[in-house]
Amino acid sequence: MSLPVIDVVNQMVLAAEPVMSFDLLNMWRSMGPFAKFIAIVLAVMSVWSLAVAVERILTYSRAGTASRKYVAEIATLLPAKKFKEAVELSHAKEYQKGYLPKVLGLAIEEYRLGLESRKTHGGTLEIGEFDVVEAVNRAIDRSTLRTVTDLRRGLGSLATIGSTAPFVGLLGTVAGIITAFQAMAATGSGGLGSVSAGIAEALVTTAFGLLVAIPAVMFFNYFTNRVEEIQVDVNDSTTELVDFMIKEGR
């Protein structure tokens, strides 16, 4: 058989073989209803995790900027005993998104009210048994708990998406493989080639689930570390403030 004849035969064989396309659009078209449902669920989870991540990044950035500016302002107000001005400053619009204005502002307000109560009831300005400071510490605990809880808002959803997205994708894969083998049993054809396209389409959901879960877990760990750093900053600032109040009272 001459070479041109062999080439013609090879071309006829290749033309007779089915051409399988593995691009995402064709896979989406060939997916069953359940696999498409899984893909839509994963897409929603991905969009949600990205939205939470962007919102948290902006929130932490604004909170850090506002807190640094507030601390710089009260550093000049507290030595001058301008406690009322320091409290009013914490309620200013530009500082409302900060975490330190929320905590320190409430602590300074509690301290100012404690001193006024002593004067009203004929007491002295000296702290004495530190009852005013104890009230300040309780105010710090309350405001810190609320502030940290607000900073953790949305992190639970990231943890949930990061832990469940791979299993959601695996569910779609299992359903796709079952469908592929059912089709093989119905047609009576055997071999890996008859089910390879169906298995490849089914594995897409697992890959999609991993793509959704990996960024969610990374964002969750990053934001958790940020919150811990903020807690350390709050603890340092409140401790320094309480020390100032004790020294100022005595």
C-alpha atoms as a PDB file:
ATOM      1  CA  MET A   1       0.000   0.000   0.000  1.00  0.00           C
ATOM      2  CA  SER A   2       1.466   3.328  -1.053  1.00  0.00           C
ATOM      3  CA  LEU A   3       1.944   6.191   1.359  1.00  0.00           C
ATOM      4  CA  PRO A   4      -0.845   8.367  -0.076  1.00  0.00           C
ATOM      5  CA  VAL A   5      -3.307   5.513   0.416  1.00  0.00           C
ATOM      6  CA  ILE A   6      -2.157   5.066   4.039  1.00  0.00           C
ATOM      7  CA  ASP A   7      -2.639   8.765   4.680  1.00  0.00           C
ATOM      8  CA  VAL A   8      -6.153   8.621   3.296  1.00  0.00           C
ATOM      9  CA  VAL A   9      -6.999   5.633   5.510  1.00  0.00           C
ATOM     10  CA  ASN A  10      -5.594   7.373   8.601  1.00  0.00           C
ATOM     11  CA  GLN A  11      -7.635  10.459   7.861  1.00  0.00           C
ATOM     12  CA  MET A  12     -10.788   8.370   7.493  1.00  0.00           C
ATOM     13  CA  VAL A  13     -10.122   6.678  10.843  1.00  0.00           C
ATOM     14  CA  LEU A  14      -9.526   9.982  12.614  1.00  0.00           C
ATOM     15  CA  ALA A  15     -12.679  11.417  11.080  1.00  0.00           C
ATOM     16  CA  ALA A  16     -14.687   8.464  12.316  1.00  0.00           C
ATOM     17  CA  GLU A  17     -13.493   8.913  15.938  1.00  0.00           C
ATOM     18  CA  PRO A  18     -15.620  11.205  18.073  1.00  0.00           C
ATOM     19  CA  VAL A  19     -13.974  14.475  18.946  1.00  0.00           C
ATOM     20  CA  MET A  20     -14.261  15.261  22.641  1.00  0.00           C
ATOM     21  CA  SER A  21     -13.912  18.882  23.673  1.00  0.00           C
ATOM     22  CA  PHE A  22     -12.906  19.556  27.245  1.00  0.00           C
ATOM     23  CA  ASP A  23     -13.351  23.326  27.366  1.00  0.00           C
ATOM     24  CA  LEU A  24     -15.541  24.664  30.171  1.00  0.00           C
ATOM     25  CA  LEU A  25     -18.345  25.857  27.910  1.00  0.00           C
ATOM     26  CA  ASN A  26     -18.864  22.460  26.292  1.00  0.00           C
ATOM     27  CA  MET A  27     -18.553  20.741  29.673  1.00  0.00           C
ATOM     28  CA  TRP A  28     -21.251  23.045  31.054  1.00  0.00           C
ATOM     29  CA  ARG A  29     -23.523  22.178  28.151  1.00  0.00           C
ATOM     30  CA  SER A  30     -22.970  18.471  28.619  1.00  0.00           C
ATOM     31  CA  MET A  31     -23.443  18.540  32.412  1.00  0.00           C
ATOM     32  CA  GLY A  32     -26.572  17.110  33.907  1.00  0.00           C
ATOM     33  CA  PRO A  33     -29.016  19.219  35.939  1.00  0.00           C
ATOM     34  CA  PHE A  34     -27.557  18.141  39.274  1.00  0.00           C
ATOM     35  CA  ALA A  35     -23.969  18.924  38.233  1.00  0.00           C
ATOM     36  CA  LYS A  36     -25.070  22.348  37.017  1.00  0.00           C
ATOM     37  CA  PHE A  37     -26.789  22.935  40.343  1.00  0.00           C
ATOM     38  CA  ILE A  38     -23.569  22.067  42.184  1.00  0.00           C
ATOM     39  CA  ALA A  39     -21.581  24.411  39.942  1.00  0.00           C
ATOM     40  CA  ILE A  40     -24.026  27.247  40.611  1.00  0.00           C
ATOM     41  CA  VAL A  41     -23.816  26.648  44.373  1.00  0.00           C
ATOM     42  CA  LEU A  42     -20.018  26.773  44.224  1.00  0.00           C
ATOM     43  CA  ALA A  43     -20.147  29.959  42.152  1.00  0.00           C
ATOM     44  CA  VAL A  44     -22.358  31.601  44.780  1.00  0.00           C
ATOM     45  CA  MET A  45     -19.982  30.484  47.540  1.00  0.00           C
ATOM     46  CA  SER A  46     -17.028  31.893  45.623  1.00  0.00           C
ATOM     47  CA  VAL A  47     -18.675  35.276  45.085  1.00  0.00           C
ATOM     48  CA  TRP A  48     -19.724  35.411  48.744  1.00  0.00           C
ATOM     49  CA  SER A  49     -16.221  34.635  50.047  1.00  0.00           C
ATOM     50  CA  LEU A  50     -14.647  37.237  47.762  1.00  0.00           C
ATOM     51  CA  ALA A  51     -17.203  39.844  48.827  1.00  0.00           C
ATOM     52  CA  VAL A  52     -16.518  39.139  52.513  1.00  0.00           C
ATOM     53  CA  ALA A  53     -12.759  39.307  51.912  1.00  0.00           C
ATOM     54  CA  VAL A  54     -12.950  42.672  50.158  1.00  0.00           C
ATOM     55  CA  GLU A  55     -15.283  44.088  52.818  1.00  0.00           C
ATOM     56  CA  ARG A  56     -13.022  42.927  55.661  1.00  0.00           C
ATOM     57  CA  ILE A  57      -9.884  44.299  54.005  1.00  0.00           C
ATOM     58  CA  LEU A  58     -11.498  47.718  53.660  1.00  0.00           C
ATOM     59  CA  THR A  59     -12.889  47.574  57.199  1.00  0.00           C
ATOM     60  CA  TYR A  60      -9.552  46.699  58.818  1.00  0.00           C
ATOM     61  CA  SER A  61      -7.720  49.322  56.777  1.00  0.00           C
ATOM     62  CA  ARG A  62     -10.151  52.091  57.733  1.00  0.00           C
ATOM     63  CA  ALA A  63     -10.245  50.968  61.363  1.00  0.00           C
ATOM     64  CA  GLY A  64      -6.464  51.015  61.627  1.00  0.00           C
ATOM     65  CA  THR A  65      -6.179  54.477  60.076  1.00  0.00           C
ATOM     66  CA  ALA A  66      -8.900  55.945  62.307  1.00  0.00           C
ATOM     67  CA  SER A  67      -7.399  54.354  65.425  1.00  0.00           C
ATOM     68  CA  ARG A  68      -3.926  55.735  64.783  1.00  0.00           C
ATOM     69  CA  LYS A  69      -5.285  59.239  64.231  1.00  0.00           C
ATOM     70  CA  TYR A  70      -7.419  59.030  67.383  1.00  0.00           C
ATOM     71  CA  VAL A  71      -4.529  57.932  69.572  1.00  0.00           C
ATOM     72  CA  ALA A  72      -2.415  60.799  68.262  1.00  0.00           C
ATOM     73  CA  GLU A  73      -5.196  63.254  69.149  1.00  0.00           C
ATOM     74  CA  ILE A  74      -5.922  62.047  72.685  1.00  0.00           C
ATOM     75  CA  ALA A  75      -2.208  61.931  73.463  1.00  0.00           C
ATOM     76  CA  THR A  76      -2.434  65.721  73.785  1.00  0.00           C
ATOM     77  CA  LEU A  77      -5.907  65.886  75.352  1.00  0.00           C
ATOM     78  CA  LEU A  78      -5.455  63.485  78.277  1.00  0.00           C
ATOM     79  CA  PRO A  79      -2.430  65.177  79.897  1.00  0.00           C
ATOM     80  CA  ALA A  80      -4.420  68.429  79.812  1.00  0.00           C
ATOM     81  CA  LYS A  81      -7.347  66.634  81.518  1.00  0.00           C
ATOM     82  CA  LYS A  82      -9.657  67.384  78.596  1.00  0.00           C
ATOM     83  CA  PHE A  83     -11.623  64.193  79.099  1.00  0.00           C
ATOM     84  CA  LYS A  84     -14.880  65.528  77.687  1.00  0.00           C
ATOM     85  CA  GLU A  85     -13.146  66.597  74.478  1.00  0.00           C
ATOM     86  CA  ALA A  86     -11.537  63.164  74.190  1.00  0.00           C
ATOM     87  CA  VAL A  87     -14.929  61.477  74.508  1.00  0.00           C
ATOM     88  CA  GLU A  88     -16.516  63.792  71.961  1.00  0.00           C
ATOM     89  CA  LEU A  89     -13.615  63.116  69.615  1.00  0.00           C
ATOM     90  CA  SER A  90     -14.314  59.371  69.769  1.00  0.00           C
ATOM     91  CA  HIS A  91     -17.821  60.038  68.429  1.00  0.00           C
ATOM     92  CA  ALA A  92     -16.585  62.127  65.513  1.00  0.00           C
ATOM     93  CA  LYS A  93     -17.539  60.812  62.089  1.00  0.00           C
ATOM     94  CA  GLU A  94     -13.960  60.287  60.940  1.00  0.00           C
ATOM     95  CA  TYR A  95     -13.199  58.089  63.963  1.00  0.00           C
ATOM     96  CA  GLN A  96     -16.399  56.023  64.130  1.00  0.00           C
ATOM     97  CA  LYS A  97     -14.916  53.185  62.076  1.00  0.00           C
ATOM     98  CA  GLY A  98     -11.891  52.814  64.354  1.00  0.00           C
ATOM     99  CA  TYR A  99     -11.638  50.149  67.026  1.00  0.00           C
ATOM    100  CA  LEU A 100      -9.600  52.184  69.533  1.00  0.00           C
ATOM    101  CA  PRO A 101     -12.033  55.141  69.585  1.00  0.00           C
ATOM    102  CA  LYS A 102     -14.837  52.724  70.532  1.00  0.00           C
ATOM    103  CA  VAL A 103     -12.876  51.162  73.394  1.00  0.00           C
ATOM    104  CA  LEU A 104     -10.884  54.109  74.696  1.00  0.00           C
ATOM    105  CA  GLY A 105     -13.762  56.537  74.246  1.00  0.00           C
ATOM    106  CA  LEU A 106     -16.027  54.488  76.501  1.00  0.00           C
ATOM    107  CA  ALA A 107     -13.242  54.043  79.062  1.00  0.00           C
ATOM    108  CA  ILE A 108     -12.527  57.776  79.200  1.00  0.00           C
ATOM    109  CA  GLU A 109     -16.246  58.509  79.496  1.00  0.00           C
ATOM    110  CA  GLU A 110     -16.540  56.082  82.409  1.00  0.00           C
ATOM    111  CA  TYR A 111     -13.543  57.692  84.089  1.00  0.00           C
ATOM    112  CA  ARG A 112     -14.944  61.209  83.609  1.00  0.00           C
ATOM    113  CA  LEU A 113     -18.329  60.205  85.011  1.00  0.00           C
ATOM    114  CA  GLY A 114     -16.631  58.519  87.965  1.00  0.00           C
ATOM    115  CA  LEU A 115     -14.718  61.657  88.848  1.00  0.00           C
ATOM    116  CA  GLU A 116     -17.842  63.790  88.536  1.00  0.00           C
ATOM    117  CA  SER A 117     -19.744  61.361  90.772  1.00  0.00           C
ATOM    118  CA  ARG A 118     -17.072  61.667  93.446  1.00  0.00           C
ATOM    119  CA  LYS A 119     -17.249  65.436  93.321  1.00  0.00           C
ATOM    120  CA  THR A 120     -21.051  65.391  93.400  1.00  0.00           C
ATOM    121  CA  HIS A 121     -21.139  63.140  96.461  1.00  0.00           C
ATOM    122  CA  GLY A 122     -18.515  65.119  98.324  1.00  0.00           C
ATOM    123  CA  GLY A 123     -15.644  62.750  97.605  1.00  0.00           C
ATOM    124  CA  THR A 124     -12.144  63.672  96.592  1.00  0.00           C
ATOM    125  CA  LEU A 125     -10.532  63.409  93.195  1.00  0.00           C
ATOM    126  CA  GLU A 126      -8.161  60.754  94.490  1.00  0.00           C
ATOM    127  CA  ILE A 127      -8.963  57.255  93.361  1.00  0.00           C
ATOM    128  CA  GLY A 128      -8.190  55.722  96.731  1.00  0.00           C
ATOM    129  CA  GLU A 129      -9.467  52.146  96.515  1.00  0.00           C
ATOM    130  CA  PHE A 130      -9.420  52.200  92.680  1.00  0.00           C
ATOM    131  CA  ASP A 131     -13.202  51.871  92.432  1.00  0.00           C
ATOM    132  CA  VAL A 132     -13.209  54.274  89.488  1.00  0.00           C
ATOM    133  CA  VAL A 133     -10.520  52.276  87.741  1.00  0.00           C
ATOM    134  CA  GLU A 134     -12.467  49.077  88.321  1.00  0.00           C
ATOM    135  CA  ALA A 135     -15.453  50.673  86.619  1.00  0.00           C
ATOM    136  CA  VAL A 136     -13.175  51.700  83.761  1.00  0.00           C
ATOM    137  CA  ASN A 137     -11.868  48.154  83.446  1.00  0.00           C
ATOM    138  CA  ARG A 138     -15.398  46.799  83.263  1.00  0.00           C
ATOM    139  CA  ALA A 139     -16.222  49.339  80.554  1.00  0.00           C
ATOM    140  CA  ILE A 140     -13.103  48.274  78.650  1.00  0.00           C
ATOM    141  CA  ASP A 141     -14.109  44.628  78.857  1.00  0.00           C
ATOM    142  CA  ARG A 142     -17.590  45.359  77.511  1.00  0.00           C
ATOM    143  CA  SER A 143     -16.453  47.554  74.649  1.00  0.00           C
ATOM    144  CA  THR A 144     -13.576  45.238  73.725  1.00  0.00           C
ATOM    145  CA  LEU A 145     -15.897  42.265  73.496  1.00  0.00           C
ATOM    146  CA  ARG A 146     -18.316  44.136  71.246  1.00  0.00           C
ATOM    147  CA  THR A 147     -15.522  45.531  69.089  1.00  0.00           C
ATOM    148  CA  VAL A 148     -13.759  42.196  68.575  1.00  0.00           C
ATOM    149  CA  THR A 149     -17.078  40.531  67.787  1.00  0.00           C
ATOM    150  CA  ASP A 150     -17.726  43.148  65.123  1.00  0.00           C
ATOM    151  CA  LEU A 151     -14.230  42.647  63.702  1.00  0.00           C
ATOM    152  CA  ARG A 152     -14.868  38.905  63.401  1.00  0.00           C
ATOM    153  CA  ARG A 153     -18.089  39.442  61.470  1.00  0.00           C
ATOM    154  CA  GLY A 154     -18.034  37.423  58.259  1.00  0.00           C
ATOM    155  CA  LEU A 155     -15.105  35.201  59.232  1.00  0.00           C
ATOM    156  CA  GLY A 156     -17.465  32.367  60.136  1.00  0.00           C
ATOM    157  CA  SER A 157     -18.800  32.275  56.591  1.00  0.00           C
ATOM    158  CA  LEU A 158     -15.251  32.082  55.217  1.00  0.00           C
ATOM    159  CA  ALA A 159     -14.510  29.141  57.511  1.00  0.00           C
ATOM    160  CA  THR A 160     -17.725  27.418  56.452  1.00  0.00           C
ATOM    161  CA  ILE A 161     -17.009  27.897  52.748  1.00  0.00           C
ATOM    162  CA  GLY A 162     -13.416  26.767  53.108  1.00  0.00           C
ATOM    163  CA  SER A 163     -14.418  23.566  54.862  1.00  0.00           C
ATOM    164  CA  THR A 164     -17.504  22.629  52.832  1.00  0.00           C
ATOM    165  CA  ALA A 165     -16.673  23.699  49.266  1.00  0.00           C
ATOM    166  CA  PRO A 166     -14.464  20.626  48.539  1.00  0.00           C
ATOM    167  CA  PHE A 167     -17.222  18.308  49.739  1.00  0.00           C
ATOM    168  CA  VAL A 168     -19.825  20.113  47.647  1.00  0.00           C
ATOM    169  CA  GLY A 169     -17.603  19.670  44.602  1.00  0.00           C
ATOM    170  CA  LEU A 170     -16.998  16.034  45.496  1.00  0.00           C
ATOM    171  CA  LEU A 171     -20.747  15.495  45.674  1.00  0.00           C
ATOM    172  CA  GLY A 172     -21.059  16.730  42.096  1.00  0.00           C
ATOM    173  CA  THR A 173     -18.196  14.478  41.016  1.00  0.00           C
ATOM    174  CA  VAL A 174     -19.729  11.392  42.595  1.00  0.00           C
ATOM    175  CA  ALA A 175     -23.063  12.133  40.952  1.00  0.00           C
ATOM    176  CA  GLY A 176     -21.334  12.644  37.583  1.00  0.00           C
ATOM    177  CA  ILE A 177     -19.408   9.370  37.825  1.00  0.00           C
ATOM    178  CA  ILE A 178     -22.586   7.500  38.712  1.00  0.00           C
ATOM    179  CA  THR A 179     -24.268   9.018  35.666  1.00  0.00           C
ATOM    180  CA  ALA A 180     -21.323   8.060  33.437  1.00  0.00           C
ATOM    181  CA  PHE A 181     -21.384   4.435  34.539  1.00  0.00           C
ATOM    182  CA  GLN A 182     -25.147   4.288  34.172  1.00  0.00           C
ATOM    183  CA  ALA A 183     -24.755   5.498  30.585  1.00  0.00           C
ATOM    184  CA  MET A 184     -22.095   2.846  29.968  1.00  0.00           C
ATOM    185  CA  ALA A 185     -24.383   0.156  31.359  1.00  0.00           C
ATOM    186  CA  ALA A 186     -27.292   1.369  29.244  1.00  0.00           C
ATOM    187  CA  THR A 187     -25.309   1.375  25.990  1.00  0.00           C
ATOM    188  CA  GLY A 188     -23.468  -1.860  26.759  1.00  0.00           C
ATOM    189  CA  SER A 189     -20.112  -0.354  25.776  1.00  0.00           C
ATOM    190  CA  GLY A 190     -17.086  -0.998  27.937  1.00  0.00           C
ATOM    191  CA  GLY A 191     -13.636   0.403  28.460  1.00  0.00           C
ATOM    192  CA  LEU A 192     -12.281   3.638  29.838  1.00  0.00           C
ATOM    193  CA  GLY A 193     -12.773   5.496  26.584  1.00  0.00           C
ATOM    194  CA  SER A 194     -16.531   5.230  26.772  1.00  0.00           C
ATOM    195  CA  VAL A 195     -16.692   6.919  30.200  1.00  0.00           C
ATOM    196  CA  SER A 196     -13.627   9.172  30.094  1.00  0.00           C
ATOM    197  CA  ALA A 197     -15.569  12.199  28.875  1.00  0.00           C
ATOM    198  CA  GLY A 198     -18.232  11.804  31.582  1.00  0.00           C
ATOM    199  CA  ILE A 199     -15.625  11.349  34.318  1.00  0.00           C
ATOM    200  CA  ALA A 200     -13.679  14.383  33.102  1.00  0.00           C
ATOM    201  CA  GLU A 201     -16.835  16.479  33.242  1.00  0.00           C
ATOM    202  CA  ALA A 202     -17.638  15.150  36.697  1.00  0.00           C
ATOM    203  CA  LEU A 203     -14.176  16.005  38.035  1.00  0.00           C
ATOM    204  CA  VAL A 204     -14.698  19.631  37.070  1.00  0.00           C
ATOM    205  CA  THR A 205     -16.908  20.169  40.112  1.00  0.00           C
ATOM    206  CA  THR A 206     -14.196  18.853  42.438  1.00  0.00           C
ATOM    207  CA  ALA A 207     -11.638  21.179  40.866  1.00  0.00           C
ATOM    208  CA  PHE A 208     -14.102  24.041  41.160  1.00  0.00           C
ATOM    209  CA  GLY A 209     -14.711  23.215  44.808  1.00  0.00           C
ATOM    210  CA  LEU A 210     -10.985  23.317  45.541  1.00  0.00           C
ATOM    211  CA  LEU A 211     -10.623  26.632  43.735  1.00  0.00           C
ATOM    212  CA  VAL A 212     -13.367  28.045  45.952  1.00  0.00           C
ATOM    213  CA  ALA A 213     -12.065  26.540  49.203  1.00  0.00           C
ATOM    214  CA  ILE A 214      -8.364  27.421  48.957  1.00  0.00           C
ATOM    215  CA  PRO A 215      -8.784  31.226  48.809  1.00  0.00           C
ATOM    216  CA  ALA A 216     -11.478  31.105  51.500  1.00  0.00           C
ATOM    217  CA  VAL A 217      -9.168  29.269  53.908  1.00  0.00           C
ATOM    218  CA  MET A 218      -6.292  31.616  53.146  1.00  0.00           C
ATOM    219  CA  PHE A 219      -8.455  34.673  53.734  1.00  0.00           C
ATOM    220  CA  PHE A 220      -9.822  33.207  56.972  1.00  0.00           C
ATOM    221  CA  ASN A 221      -6.335  32.580  58.387  1.00  0.00           C
ATOM    222  CA  TYR A 222      -5.138  36.016  57.325  1.00  0.00           C
ATOM    223  CA  PHE A 223      -8.102  37.833  58.873  1.00  0.00           C
ATOM    224  CA  THR A 224      -7.868  35.773  62.051  1.00  0.00           C
ATOM    225  CA  ASN A 225      -4.260  36.891  62.450  1.00  0.00           C
ATOM    226  CA  ARG A 226      -5.304  40.486  61.810  1.00  0.00           C
ATOM    227  CA  VAL A 227      -7.956  40.324  64.534  1.00  0.00           C
ATOM    228  CA  GLU A 228      -5.415  38.870  66.971  1.00  0.00           C
ATOM    229  CA  GLU A 229      -3.022  41.712  66.176  1.00  0.00           C
ATOM    230  CA  ILE A 230      -5.806  44.222  66.740  1.00  0.00           C
ATOM    231  CA  GLN A 231      -6.615  42.602  70.100  1.00  0.00           C
ATOM    232  CA  VAL A 232      -2.984  43.003  71.145  1.00  0.00           C
ATOM    233  CA  ASP A 233      -3.108  46.654  70.086  1.00  0.00           C
ATOM    234  CA  VAL A 234      -6.313  47.201  72.059  1.00  0.00           C
ATOM    235  CA  ASN A 235      -4.882  45.520  75.163  1.00  0.00           C
ATOM    236  CA  ASP A 236      -1.707  47.615  75.011  1.00  0.00           C
ATOM    237  CA  SER A 237      -3.648  50.851  74.550  1.00  0.00           C
ATOM    238  CA  THR A 238      -6.175  50.150  77.309  1.00  0.00           C
ATOM    239  CA  THR A 239      -3.463  49.087  79.747  1.00  0.00           C
ATOM    240  CA  GLU A 240      -1.556  52.287  79.076  1.00  0.00           C
ATOM    241  CA  LEU A 241      -4.747  54.294  79.553  1.00  0.00           C
ATOM    242  CA  VAL A 242      -5.540  52.630  82.885  1.00  0.00           C
ATOM    243  CA  ASP A 243      -1.982  53.252  84.077  1.00  0.00           C
ATOM    244  CA  PHE A 244      -2.386  56.910  83.169  1.00  0.00           C
ATOM    245  CA  MET A 245      -5.673  57.106  85.097  1.00  0.00           C
ATOM    246  CA  ILE A 246      -4.146  55.560  88.209  1.00  0.00           C
ATOM    247  CA  LYS A 247      -1.195  57.949  88.139  1.00  0.00           C
ATOM    248  CA  GLU A 248      -3.437  60.927  87.360  1.00  0.00           C
ATOM    249  CA  GLY A 249      -5.871  60.025  90.145  1.00  0.00           C
ATOM    250  CA  ARG A 250      -3.126  59.728  92.718  1.00  0.00           C
END
